[in-house]
C-alpha atoms as a PDB file:
ATOM      1  CA  MET A   1       1.633  29.726  26.378  1.00  0.00           C
ATOM      2  CA  LYS A   2       3.893  29.397  29.634  1.00  0.00           C
ATOM      3  CA  SER A   3       6.426  27.070  28.267  1.00  0.00           C
ATOM      4  CA  LEU A   4       7.814  25.776  24.928  1.00  0.00           C
ATOM      5  CA  PRO A   5       6.390  22.191  24.083  1.00  0.00           C
ATOM      6  CA  GLU A   6       8.845  19.405  24.180  1.00  0.00           C
ATOM      7  CA  TRP A   7       9.819  17.549  21.056  1.00  0.00           C
ATOM      8  CA  THR A   8       8.715  14.296  22.348  1.00  0.00           C
ATOM      9  CA  ASP A   9       5.166  15.627  22.579  1.00  0.00           C
ATOM     10  CA  LEU A  10       5.269  16.894  19.135  1.00  0.00           C
ATOM     11  CA  ARG A  11       6.347  13.456  18.103  1.00  0.00           C
ATOM     12  CA  PHE A  12       3.297  12.136  19.656  1.00  0.00           C
ATOM     13  CA  PHE A  13       1.262  14.734  17.895  1.00  0.00           C
ATOM     14  CA  LEU A  14       2.693  13.942  14.610  1.00  0.00           C
ATOM     15  CA  GLU A  15       1.949  10.163  14.851  1.00  0.00           C
ATOM     16  CA  LEU A  16      -1.600  10.779  16.016  1.00  0.00           C
ATOM     17  CA  ALA A  17      -2.106  13.194  13.041  1.00  0.00           C
ATOM     18  CA  ARG A  18      -0.833  10.581  10.697  1.00  0.00           C
ATOM     19  CA  SER A  19      -2.740   7.600  11.991  1.00  0.00           C
ATOM     20  CA  GLY A  20      -5.965   9.323  13.240  1.00  0.00           C
ATOM     21  CA  THR A  21      -6.404   6.923  16.061  1.00  0.00           C
ATOM     22  CA  LEU A  22      -4.823   6.543  19.538  1.00  0.00           C
ATOM     23  CA  SER A  23      -4.345   2.747  18.856  1.00  0.00           C
ATOM     24  CA  GLY A  24      -2.643   3.578  15.589  1.00  0.00           C
ATOM     25  CA  ALA A  25      -0.233   6.106  17.171  1.00  0.00           C
ATOM     26  CA  SER A  26       0.543   3.935  20.101  1.00  0.00           C
ATOM     27  CA  ARG A  27       1.667   1.017  17.891  1.00  0.00           C
ATOM     28  CA  ARG A  28       3.959   3.433  15.986  1.00  0.00           C
ATOM     29  CA  LEU A  29       5.404   4.658  19.233  1.00  0.00           C
ATOM     30  CA  GLU A  30       5.326   1.480  21.000  1.00  0.00           C
ATOM     31  CA  VAL A  31       3.581   2.812  24.116  1.00  0.00           C
ATOM     32  CA  GLU A  32       0.186   2.495  25.660  1.00  0.00           C
ATOM     33  CA  HIS A  33      -2.720   4.659  23.962  1.00  0.00           C
ATOM     34  CA  THR A  34      -3.265   6.191  27.396  1.00  0.00           C
ATOM     35  CA  THR A  35       0.309   7.637  27.084  1.00  0.00           C
ATOM     36  CA  VAL A  36      -0.535   9.020  23.667  1.00  0.00           C
ATOM     37  CA  ALA A  37      -3.787  10.698  24.998  1.00  0.00           C
ATOM     38  CA  ARG A  38      -1.940  12.101  28.097  1.00  0.00           C
ATOM     39  CA  ARG A  39       0.797  13.655  25.959  1.00  0.00           C
ATOM     40  CA  ILE A  40      -1.839  15.220  23.544  1.00  0.00           C
ATOM     41  CA  ASP A  41      -3.624  16.793  26.513  1.00  0.00           C
ATOM     42  CA  ARG A  42      -0.412  18.252  27.930  1.00  0.00           C
ATOM     43  CA  LEU A  43       0.650  19.661  24.579  1.00  0.00           C
ATOM     44  CA  GLU A  44      -2.742  21.387  24.119  1.00  0.00           C
ATOM     45  CA  GLN A  45      -2.569  22.754  27.494  1.00  0.00           C
ATOM     46  CA  GLN A  46       0.853  24.183  26.753  1.00  0.00           C
ATOM     47  CA  LEU A  47      -0.296  25.769  23.378  1.00  0.00           C
ATOM     48  CA  GLY A  48      -3.501  26.718  24.717  1.00  0.00           C
ATOM     49  CA  ALA A  49      -5.348  25.318  21.842  1.00  0.00           C
ATOM     50  CA  THR A  50      -7.226  22.344  20.814  1.00  0.00           C
ATOM     51  CA  LEU A  51      -5.311  20.285  18.251  1.00  0.00           C
ATOM     52  CA  PHE A  52      -7.620  17.655  17.410  1.00  0.00           C
ATOM     53  CA  ASP A  53     -11.385  16.985  17.135  1.00  0.00           C
ATOM     54  CA  ARG A  54     -12.339  13.750  18.929  1.00  0.00           C
ATOM     55  CA  SER A  55     -15.157  11.465  17.633  1.00  0.00           C
ATOM     56  CA  ARG A  56     -15.791   7.676  17.525  1.00  0.00           C
ATOM     57  CA  GLU A  57     -14.221   7.502  14.024  1.00  0.00           C
ATOM     58  CA  GLY A  58     -10.920   8.922  15.528  1.00  0.00           C
ATOM     59  CA  TYR A  59      -8.720  11.934  15.810  1.00  0.00           C
ATOM     60  CA  GLU A  60      -9.008  14.767  13.140  1.00  0.00           C
ATOM     61  CA  LEU A  61      -6.682  17.950  13.066  1.00  0.00           C
ATOM     62  CA  THR A  62      -8.507  21.143  13.885  1.00  0.00           C
ATOM     63  CA  GLU A  63      -7.554  24.290  12.210  1.00  0.00           C
ATOM     64  CA  MET A  64      -4.941  25.072  14.903  1.00  0.00           C
ATOM     65  CA  GLY A  65      -3.596  21.377  14.493  1.00  0.00           C
ATOM     66  CA  GLN A  66      -3.230  22.060  10.743  1.00  0.00           C
ATOM     67  CA  ALA A  67      -1.141  25.182  11.424  1.00  0.00           C
ATOM     68  CA  VAL A  68       1.063  23.368  13.905  1.00  0.00           C
ATOM     69  CA  LEU A  69       1.584  20.319  11.575  1.00  0.00           C
ATOM     70  CA  PRO A  70       4.145  21.787   9.287  1.00  0.00           C
ATOM     71  CA  HIS A  71       6.315  23.042  12.042  1.00  0.00           C
ATOM     72  CA  ALA A  72       6.270  19.769  13.735  1.00  0.00           C
ATOM     73  CA  GLU A  73       7.249  18.039  10.524  1.00  0.00           C
ATOM     74  CA  SER A  74      10.167  20.293  10.155  1.00  0.00           C
ATOM     75  CA  MET A  75      11.433  19.685  13.670  1.00  0.00           C
ATOM     76  CA  GLU A  76      11.177  15.898  12.931  1.00  0.00           C
ATOM     77  CA  ALA A  77      13.132  16.282   9.644  1.00  0.00           C
ATOM     78  CA  ALA A  78      15.893  18.251  11.665  1.00  0.00           C
ATOM     79  CA  VAL A  79      16.001  15.659  14.490  1.00  0.00           C
ATOM     80  CA  LEU A  80      16.359  12.744  12.102  1.00  0.00           C
ATOM     81  CA  ALA A  81      18.991  14.729   9.943  1.00  0.00           C
ATOM     82  CA  ALA A  82      20.968  15.554  13.153  1.00  0.00           C
ATOM     83  CA  GLN A  83      20.728  11.772  14.197  1.00  0.00           C
ATOM     84  CA  ASP A  84      21.909  10.421  10.962  1.00  0.00           C
ATOM     85  CA  GLN A  85      24.886  13.017  10.934  1.00  0.00           C
ATOM     86  CA  LEU A  86      26.031  12.262  14.626  1.00  0.00           C
ATOM     87  CA  SER A  87      25.901   8.516  14.071  1.00  0.00           C
ATOM     88  CA  GLY A  88      27.794   8.706  10.874  1.00  0.00           C
ATOM     89  CA  ASN A  89      25.101   6.992   8.870  1.00  0.00           C
ATOM     90  CA  ASP A  90      24.499   8.086   5.288  1.00  0.00           C
ATOM     91  CA  VAL A  91      20.767   6.746   5.464  1.00  0.00           C
ATOM     92  CA  ALA A  92      18.847   5.924   8.622  1.00  0.00           C
ATOM     93  CA  VAL A  93      16.029   3.741   7.298  1.00  0.00           C
ATOM     94  CA  ARG A  94      13.827   3.223  10.455  1.00  0.00           C
ATOM     95  CA  GLY A  95      10.356   3.966  11.456  1.00  0.00           C
ATOM     96  CA  VAL A  96       6.879   3.481   9.863  1.00  0.00           C
ATOM     97  CA  VAL A  97       6.041   4.696   6.296  1.00  0.00           C
ATOM     98  CA  ARG A  98       2.330   5.034   5.335  1.00  0.00           C
ATOM     99  CA  LEU A  99       1.825   4.310   1.593  1.00  0.00           C
ATOM    100  CA  GLY A 100      -1.405   4.845  -0.203  1.00  0.00           C
ATOM    101  CA  VAL A 101      -1.928   2.901  -3.369  1.00  0.00           C
ATOM    102  CA  PRO A 102      -4.599   1.859  -5.950  1.00  0.00           C
ATOM    103  CA  GLU A 103      -6.175  -1.436  -4.967  1.00  0.00           C
ATOM    104  CA  VAL A 104      -4.954  -3.753  -7.678  1.00  0.00           C
ATOM    105  CA  LEU A 105      -1.521  -2.297  -8.034  1.00  0.00           C
ATOM    106  CA  GLY A 106      -1.153  -2.518  -4.170  1.00  0.00           C
ATOM    107  CA  VAL A 107      -2.185  -6.272  -4.159  1.00  0.00           C
ATOM    108  CA  ARG A 108      -0.627  -7.681  -7.064  1.00  0.00           C
ATOM    109  CA  VAL A 109       2.440  -5.685  -7.501  1.00  0.00           C
ATOM    110  CA  ILE A 110       3.468  -3.560  -4.483  1.00  0.00           C
ATOM    111  CA  THR A 111       2.698  -6.066  -1.758  1.00  0.00           C
ATOM    112  CA  PRO A 112       4.989  -8.710  -3.039  1.00  0.00           C
ATOM    113  CA  LEU A 113       7.607  -6.098  -3.618  1.00  0.00           C
ATOM    114  CA  LEU A 114       7.434  -4.765  -0.206  1.00  0.00           C
ATOM    115  CA  ALA A 115       7.504  -8.368   1.368  1.00  0.00           C
ATOM    116  CA  ARG A 116      10.992  -8.834  -0.184  1.00  0.00           C
ATOM    117  CA  PHE A 117      12.208  -5.252   0.620  1.00  0.00           C
ATOM    118  CA  LEU A 118      11.384  -5.359   4.255  1.00  0.00           C
ATOM    119  CA  GLN A 119      13.317  -8.591   4.819  1.00  0.00           C
ATOM    120  CA  ASP A 120      16.427  -6.570   4.390  1.00  0.00           C
ATOM    121  CA  GLN A 121      15.207  -3.490   6.337  1.00  0.00           C
ATOM    122  CA  PRO A 122      14.682  -4.788   9.952  1.00  0.00           C
ATOM    123  CA  ASP A 123      14.069  -1.215  11.394  1.00  0.00           C
ATOM    124  CA  LEU A 124      11.336  -0.178   8.882  1.00  0.00           C
ATOM    125  CA  SER A 125       7.651  -0.786   8.774  1.00  0.00           C
ATOM    126  CA  VAL A 126       5.070   0.065   6.196  1.00  0.00           C
ATOM    127  CA  ASP A 127       1.395   0.756   6.432  1.00  0.00           C
ATOM    128  CA  LEU A 128       0.064   0.038   3.252  1.00  0.00           C
ATOM    129  CA  LEU A 129      -3.187   1.712   2.442  1.00  0.00           C
ATOM    130  CA  VAL A 130      -4.853  -0.393  -0.418  1.00  0.00           C
ATOM    131  CA  GLN A 131      -8.196   1.040  -1.381  1.00  0.00           C
ATOM    132  CA  PRO A 132     -10.427   1.840  -4.450  1.00  0.00           C
ATOM    133  CA  ARG A 133      -9.619   5.532  -3.810  1.00  0.00           C
ATOM    134  CA  PHE A 134      -6.384   7.508  -3.808  1.00  0.00           C
ATOM    135  CA  ALA A 135      -4.921   8.547  -0.460  1.00  0.00           C
ATOM    136  CA  ASN A 136      -5.570  12.279   0.629  1.00  0.00           C
ATOM    137  CA  LEU A 137      -1.875  13.705   1.135  1.00  0.00           C
ATOM    138  CA  ALA A 138      -3.219  17.077   1.822  1.00  0.00           C
ATOM    139  CA  ASN A 139      -4.576  15.855   5.227  1.00  0.00           C
ATOM    140  CA  ARG A 140      -1.513  13.467   5.756  1.00  0.00           C
ATOM    141  CA  GLU A 141      -3.634  10.417   5.311  1.00  0.00           C
ATOM    142  CA  ALA A 142      -0.246   8.833   3.842  1.00  0.00           C
ATOM    143  CA  ASP A 143       3.256  10.010   3.709  1.00  0.00           C
ATOM    144  CA  LEU A 144       3.488   9.240  -0.069  1.00  0.00           C
ATOM    145  CA  GLY A 145       1.069   7.921  -2.631  1.00  0.00           C
ATOM    146  CA  VAL A 146       0.664   6.680  -5.896  1.00  0.00           C
ATOM    147  CA  THR A 147      -2.198   8.428  -7.870  1.00  0.00           C
ATOM    148  CA  LEU A 148      -3.453   9.242 -11.285  1.00  0.00           C
ATOM    149  CA  ASP A 149      -3.751  12.971 -10.714  1.00  0.00           C
ATOM    150  CA  PRO A 150      -0.714  14.817  -9.594  1.00  0.00           C
ATOM    151  CA  PRO A 151      -1.437  17.722  -7.284  1.00  0.00           C
ATOM    152  CA  ASN A 152      -1.481  21.198  -8.599  1.00  0.00           C
ATOM    153  CA  THR A 153      -1.367  23.069  -5.305  1.00  0.00           C
ATOM    154  CA  GLY A 154       0.789  22.555  -2.271  1.00  0.00           C
ATOM    155  CA  ARG A 155       4.396  21.677  -1.709  1.00  0.00           C
ATOM    156  CA  TYR A 156       5.154  18.053  -3.012  1.00  0.00           C
ATOM    157  CA  MET A 157       7.737  16.072  -4.776  1.00  0.00           C
ATOM    158  CA  MET A 158       6.448  14.158  -7.559  1.00  0.00           C
ATOM    159  CA  THR A 159       7.450  12.028 -10.294  1.00  0.00           C
ATOM    160  CA  ARG A 160       5.786  10.050 -13.007  1.00  0.00           C
ATOM    161  CA  LEU A 161       6.160   6.512 -11.580  1.00  0.00           C
ATOM    162  CA  ALA A 162       4.891   4.615 -14.756  1.00  0.00           C
ATOM    163  CA  SER A 163       2.940   5.087 -17.807  1.00  0.00           C
ATOM    164  CA  PHE A 164       0.671   2.073 -18.369  1.00  0.00           C
ATOM    165  CA  ARG A 165      -1.601   0.757 -21.135  1.00  0.00           C
ATOM    166  CA  LEU A 166      -4.994  -0.752 -20.701  1.00  0.00           C
ATOM    167  CA  THR A 167      -6.407  -3.120 -23.188  1.00  0.00           C
ATOM    168  CA  LEU A 168      -9.572  -5.190 -23.549  1.00  0.00           C
ATOM    169  CA  TYR A 169      -9.894  -8.693 -21.987  1.00  0.00           C
ATOM    170  CA  ALA A 170     -12.724 -11.157 -21.945  1.00  0.00           C
ATOM    171  CA  SER A 171     -13.210 -14.759 -20.901  1.00  0.00           C
ATOM    172  CA  ARG A 172     -13.282 -17.571 -23.499  1.00  0.00           C
ATOM    173  CA  SER A 173     -16.800 -18.548 -22.604  1.00  0.00           C
ATOM    174  CA  TYR A 174     -17.960 -14.832 -23.218  1.00  0.00           C
ATOM    175  CA  LEU A 175     -16.311 -14.821 -26.622  1.00  0.00           C
ATOM    176  CA  GLU A 176     -17.787 -18.160 -27.560  1.00  0.00           C
ATOM    177  CA  ARG A 177     -21.272 -17.028 -26.681  1.00  0.00           C
ATOM    178  CA  HIS A 178     -21.378 -13.608 -28.256  1.00  0.00           C
ATOM    179  CA  ALA A 179     -20.885 -12.222 -31.829  1.00  0.00           C
ATOM    180  CA  PRO A 180     -17.187 -12.210 -33.011  1.00  0.00           C
ATOM    181  CA  ILE A 181     -14.956  -9.222 -32.382  1.00  0.00           C
ATOM    182  CA  ARG A 182     -12.664  -8.518 -35.317  1.00  0.00           C
ATOM    183  CA  SER A 183     -12.533  -4.842 -35.322  1.00  0.00           C
ATOM    184  CA  ARG A 184     -13.427  -1.773 -33.071  1.00  0.00           C
ATOM    185  CA  ALA A 185     -16.820  -1.484 -34.685  1.00  0.00           C
ATOM    186  CA  ASP A 186     -17.789  -5.022 -33.558  1.00  0.00           C
ATOM    187  CA  LEU A 187     -17.666  -3.771 -29.963  1.00  0.00           C
ATOM    188  CA  GLU A 188     -21.150  -2.232 -30.446  1.00  0.00           C
ATOM    189  CA  GLY A 189     -23.676  -4.262 -28.561  1.00  0.00           C
ATOM    190  CA  HIS A 190     -21.243  -6.048 -26.539  1.00  0.00           C
ATOM    191  CA  ASP A 191     -21.423  -6.317 -22.672  1.00  0.00           C
ATOM    192  CA  PHE A 192     -18.963  -4.374 -20.407  1.00  0.00           C
ATOM    193  CA  VAL A 193     -17.771  -4.590 -17.036  1.00  0.00           C
ATOM    194  CA  ASP A 194     -16.743  -1.098 -15.688  1.00  0.00           C
ATOM    195  CA  TYR A 195     -16.404   1.213 -12.706  1.00  0.00           C
ATOM    196  CA  VAL A 196     -19.313   2.638 -10.944  1.00  0.00           C
ATOM    197  CA  GLN A 197     -19.641   5.849 -12.921  1.00  0.00           C
ATOM    198  CA  ASP A 198     -20.549   8.333 -10.202  1.00  0.00           C
ATOM    199  CA  ARG A 199     -18.104   6.845  -7.692  1.00  0.00           C
ATOM    200  CA  LEU A 200     -14.834   7.289 -10.072  1.00  0.00           C
ATOM    201  CA  ALA A 201     -11.846   8.138  -7.759  1.00  0.00           C
ATOM    202  CA  SER A 202     -10.434  10.075 -10.883  1.00  0.00           C
ATOM    203  CA  ASN A 203     -11.801  11.034 -14.287  1.00  0.00           C
ATOM    204  CA  GLU A 204      -8.764   9.272 -15.585  1.00  0.00           C
ATOM    205  CA  LEU A 205     -10.608   5.979 -14.794  1.00  0.00           C
ATOM    206  CA  ASN A 206     -13.344   6.827 -17.527  1.00  0.00           C
ATOM    207  CA  PHE A 207     -11.418   5.122 -20.275  1.00  0.00           C
ATOM    208  CA  ILE A 208     -14.150   2.850 -21.688  1.00  0.00           C
ATOM    209  CA  ASP A 209     -16.009   5.864 -22.994  1.00  0.00           C
ATOM    210  CA  GLU A 210     -12.968   6.537 -25.263  1.00  0.00           C
ATOM    211  CA  LEU A 211     -13.426   3.284 -27.196  1.00  0.00           C
ATOM    212  CA  GLY A 212     -15.915   5.120 -29.680  1.00  0.00           C
ATOM    213  CA  VAL A 213     -19.086   2.849 -28.925  1.00  0.00           C
ATOM    214  CA  VAL A 214     -21.916   3.214 -26.489  1.00  0.00           C
ATOM    215  CA  PRO A 215     -20.837   0.685 -23.829  1.00  0.00           C
ATOM    216  CA  ARG A 216     -23.588  -1.655 -22.413  1.00  0.00           C
ATOM    217  CA  ARG A 217     -22.418  -1.819 -18.837  1.00  0.00           C
ATOM    218  CA  ARG A 218     -23.683  -5.180 -17.216  1.00  0.00           C
ATOM    219  CA  LEU A 219     -21.985  -4.796 -13.973  1.00  0.00           C
ATOM    220  CA  CYS A 220     -20.009  -1.727 -12.409  1.00  0.00           C
ATOM    221  CA  CYS A 221     -17.688  -2.082  -9.411  1.00  0.00           C
ATOM    222  CA  THR A 222     -15.742   0.439  -7.459  1.00  0.00           C
ATOM    223  CA  GLY A 223     -12.590  -1.612  -7.837  1.00  0.00           C
ATOM    224  CA  MET A 224     -10.687  -3.345 -10.683  1.00  0.00           C
ATOM    225  CA  MET A 225     -10.142  -6.675  -8.829  1.00  0.00           C
ATOM    226  CA  ALA A 226     -14.055  -7.029  -8.795  1.00  0.00           C
ATOM    227  CA  GLN A 227     -14.223  -6.210 -12.514  1.00  0.00           C
ATOM    228  CA  ALA A 228     -11.675  -8.709 -13.321  1.00  0.00           C
ATOM    229  CA  GLU A 229     -13.342 -11.569 -11.464  1.00  0.00           C
ATOM    230  CA  ALA A 230     -16.604 -10.530 -13.203  1.00  0.00           C
ATOM    231  CA  ALA A 231     -15.010 -10.630 -16.700  1.00  0.00           C
ATOM    232  CA  ALA A 232     -13.392 -13.964 -15.922  1.00  0.00           C
ATOM    233  CA  ALA A 233     -16.874 -15.300 -14.828  1.00  0.00           C
ATOM    234  CA  GLY A 234     -18.028 -14.492 -18.502  1.00  0.00           C
ATOM    235  CA  LEU A 235     -20.053 -11.330 -17.770  1.00  0.00           C
ATOM    236  CA  GLY A 236     -18.478  -9.153 -20.282  1.00  0.00           C
ATOM    237  CA  LEU A 237     -15.393  -7.142 -21.690  1.00  0.00           C
ATOM    238  CA  PHE A 238     -13.326  -5.039 -19.316  1.00  0.00           C
ATOM    239  CA  MET A 239     -10.168  -2.797 -19.730  1.00  0.00           C
ATOM    240  CA  ALA A 240      -7.129  -3.309 -17.557  1.00  0.00           C
ATOM    241  CA  PRO A 241      -3.321  -3.045 -17.469  1.00  0.00           C
ATOM    242  CA  PRO A 242      -1.409  -6.465 -17.734  1.00  0.00           C
ATOM    243  CA  TYR A 243      -0.745  -6.545 -14.032  1.00  0.00           C
ATOM    244  CA  ALA A 244      -4.507  -6.408 -13.071  1.00  0.00           C
ATOM    245  CA  VAL A 245      -5.194  -9.538 -15.192  1.00  0.00           C
ATOM    246  CA  PRO A 246      -5.171 -12.943 -13.389  1.00  0.00           C
ATOM    247  CA  ASN A 247      -2.355 -15.201 -14.459  1.00  0.00           C
ATOM    248  CA  ASP A 248      -4.582 -18.282 -14.701  1.00  0.00           C
ATOM    249  CA  GLY A 249      -5.689 -18.219 -18.317  1.00  0.00           C
ATOM    250  CA  ARG A 250      -9.380 -17.434 -17.651  1.00  0.00           C
ATOM    251  CA  LEU A 251      -9.082 -13.968 -19.625  1.00  0.00           C
ATOM    252  CA  VAL A 252      -7.753 -13.392 -22.918  1.00  0.00           C
ATOM    253  CA  PRO A 253      -6.830 -10.163 -24.757  1.00  0.00           C
ATOM    254  CA  VAL A 254      -9.247  -8.747 -27.371  1.00  0.00           C
ATOM    255  CA  LEU A 255      -8.030  -6.332 -30.080  1.00  0.00           C
ATOM    256  CA  GLN A 256      -4.959  -5.752 -28.263  1.00  0.00           C
ATOM    257  CA  ASP A 257      -3.230  -3.696 -30.873  1.00  0.00           C
ATOM    258  CA  GLU A 258      -6.079  -1.780 -32.006  1.00  0.00           C
ATOM    259  CA  VAL A 259      -7.975  -0.757 -28.885  1.00  0.00           C
ATOM    260  CA  PHE A 260      -6.352   0.621 -25.926  1.00  0.00           C
ATOM    261  CA  ALA A 261      -6.075   3.760 -23.517  1.00  0.00           C
ATOM    262  CA  GLU A 262      -2.911   4.929 -21.814  1.00  0.00           C
ATOM    263  CA  ARG A 263      -2.536   6.512 -18.375  1.00  0.00           C
ATOM    264  CA  ALA A 264       0.156   7.486 -16.101  1.00  0.00           C
ATOM    265  CA  TYR A 265       0.658   6.815 -12.396  1.00  0.00           C
ATOM    266  CA  TRP A 266       2.441   9.476 -10.312  1.00  0.00           C
ATOM    267  CA  LEU A 267       4.293   9.088  -7.087  1.00  0.00           C
ATOM    268  CA  VAL A 268       3.822  12.053  -4.774  1.00  0.00           C
ATOM    269  CA  ALA A 269       5.097  13.057  -1.436  1.00  0.00           C
ATOM    270  CA  PRO A 270       4.863  16.286   0.792  1.00  0.00           C
ATOM    271  CA  VAL A 271       8.325  17.995   0.423  1.00  0.00           C
ATOM    272  CA  ASP A 272       8.906  17.711   4.176  1.00  0.00           C
ATOM    273  CA  LEU A 273       8.193  14.011   4.302  1.00  0.00           C
ATOM    274  CA  TYR A 274      10.219  13.342   1.192  1.00  0.00           C
ATOM    275  CA  ARG A 275      13.256  14.549   2.963  1.00  0.00           C
ATOM    276  CA  LEU A 276      13.049  11.709   5.622  1.00  0.00           C
ATOM    277  CA  PRO A 277      15.370   8.716   4.900  1.00  0.00           C
ATOM    278  CA  ARG A 278      12.399   6.102   5.439  1.00  0.00           C
ATOM    279  CA  VAL A 279      10.119   7.874   2.903  1.00  0.00           C
ATOM    280  CA  ARG A 280      12.869   8.233   0.393  1.00  0.00           C
ATOM    281  CA  ALA A 281      13.808   4.523   0.753  1.00  0.00           C
ATOM    282  CA  VAL A 282      10.244   3.313  -0.186  1.00  0.00           C
ATOM    283  CA  TRP A 283      10.037   6.116  -2.982  1.00  0.00           C
ATOM    284  CA  ASN A 284      13.338   4.738  -4.596  1.00  0.00           C
ATOM    285  CA  LEU A 285      12.065   1.261  -4.257  1.00  0.00           C
ATOM    286  CA  LEU A 286       8.868   1.959  -6.288  1.00  0.00           C
ATOM    287  CA  ARG A 287      10.760   4.103  -8.813  1.00  0.00           C
ATOM    288  CA  ASP A 288      13.513   1.430  -9.463  1.00  0.00           C
ATOM    289  CA  PHE A 289      10.997  -1.360  -9.704  1.00  0.00           C
ATOM    290  CA  ALA A 290       8.659   0.596 -12.161  1.00  0.00           C
ATOM    291  CA  ASP A 291      11.784   1.501 -14.310  1.00  0.00           C
ATOM    292  CA  ALA A 292      12.805  -2.140 -14.465  1.00  0.00           C
ATOM    293  CA  ARG A 293       9.554  -3.746 -15.229  1.00  0.00           C
ATOM    294  CA  PRO A 294       7.633  -1.894 -17.947  1.00  0.00           C
ATOM    295  CA  GLU A 295       6.147  -5.055 -19.222  1.00  0.00           C
ATOM    296  CA  LEU A 296       3.898  -5.162 -16.173  1.00  0.00           C
ATOM    297  CA  PHE A 297       2.297  -1.907 -17.396  1.00  0.00           C
ATOM    298  CA  GLY A 298       2.173  -2.914 -20.988  1.00  0.00           C
ATOM    299  CA  MET A 299       4.652  -0.348 -22.085  1.00  0.00           C
ATOM    300  CA  PRO A 300       7.862  -0.885 -24.213  1.00  0.00           C
ATOM    301  CA  ALA A 301      11.084  -1.420 -22.345  1.00  0.00           C
ATOM    302  CA  ASP A 302      12.649   1.672 -23.664  1.00  0.00           C
ATOM    303  CA  ALA A 303      10.115   4.028 -22.180  1.00  0.00           C
ATOM    304  CA  PRO A 304      12.192   6.879 -20.583  1.00  0.00           C
ATOM    305  CA  ALA A 305      12.162   7.541 -16.775  1.00  0.00           C
ATOM    306  CA  ALA A 306      10.972  10.771 -15.442  1.00  0.00           C
ATOM    307  CA  PRO A 307      12.979  12.680 -12.801  1.00  0.00           C
ATOM    308  CA  ALA A 308      11.427  13.706  -9.559  1.00  0.00           C
ATOM    309  CA  LYS A 309      10.507  17.370  -9.362  1.00  0.00           C
ATOM    310  CA  ALA A 310       9.002  19.749  -6.694  1.00  0.00           C
ATOM    311  CA  ALA A 311       5.500  21.555  -7.049  1.00  0.00           C
END
């Protein structure tokens, strides 16, 4: 290596590593995609190493790129901290935050929340990854994410975002056409809508098997939004937290106080990214909202909040 890389080149490297595409990085950096490609080429020449594998699907970090990533992120955190101190700002909330969330939680809860929040944050943008799987934080698919399984390796900040309770729901038409359900034992022989069992994003989603009956699965979907629509159309019973149930009266609770499962969402961010003001702003938004609205998750209002911790 003949010369040290410039910070601006490393900034281009970080944005490409996070977005995975030239177009995504160029949008974040507000430059042409050819500029991003040129900066990455220059950085690789300076380091004497290939940092990205190129393919039609996008850019993926090589082993050397993975080795460079934490050093570039540390430089980013230091630059932002210096800017904040020199400008006299306590918190500089600017830039792009990539947030990975489960599908229904993202659509029904977090999207309206972000819409209100961003009106007061003109320099902040959010890339919301709404999908039927959990964002991979290890490869920096997202800056922070909501997951059912907190990581047990790596350097992360994590907190229990919210405990939630899943209960049974069915359409009135389904209940009228089938045998009455007065107790847990009556569930035997009823139809269910559930997740595709060999495509579970987490073992924590396997809650119907906890009911104590052998479920007759009529339709399985990879996402809960599709399950809710299938149940509302009268195809069978399904389990969901309150926020996942359409507020149009098509679904009614079944054995709500007798049959339920409880799970917890975790909010997780790599330690180095958690230090960034923009990431902490979104982190605090989600924490404060979840603490204030336990009824959305089917939990009592006096459920204690959990502190953030490093792992």
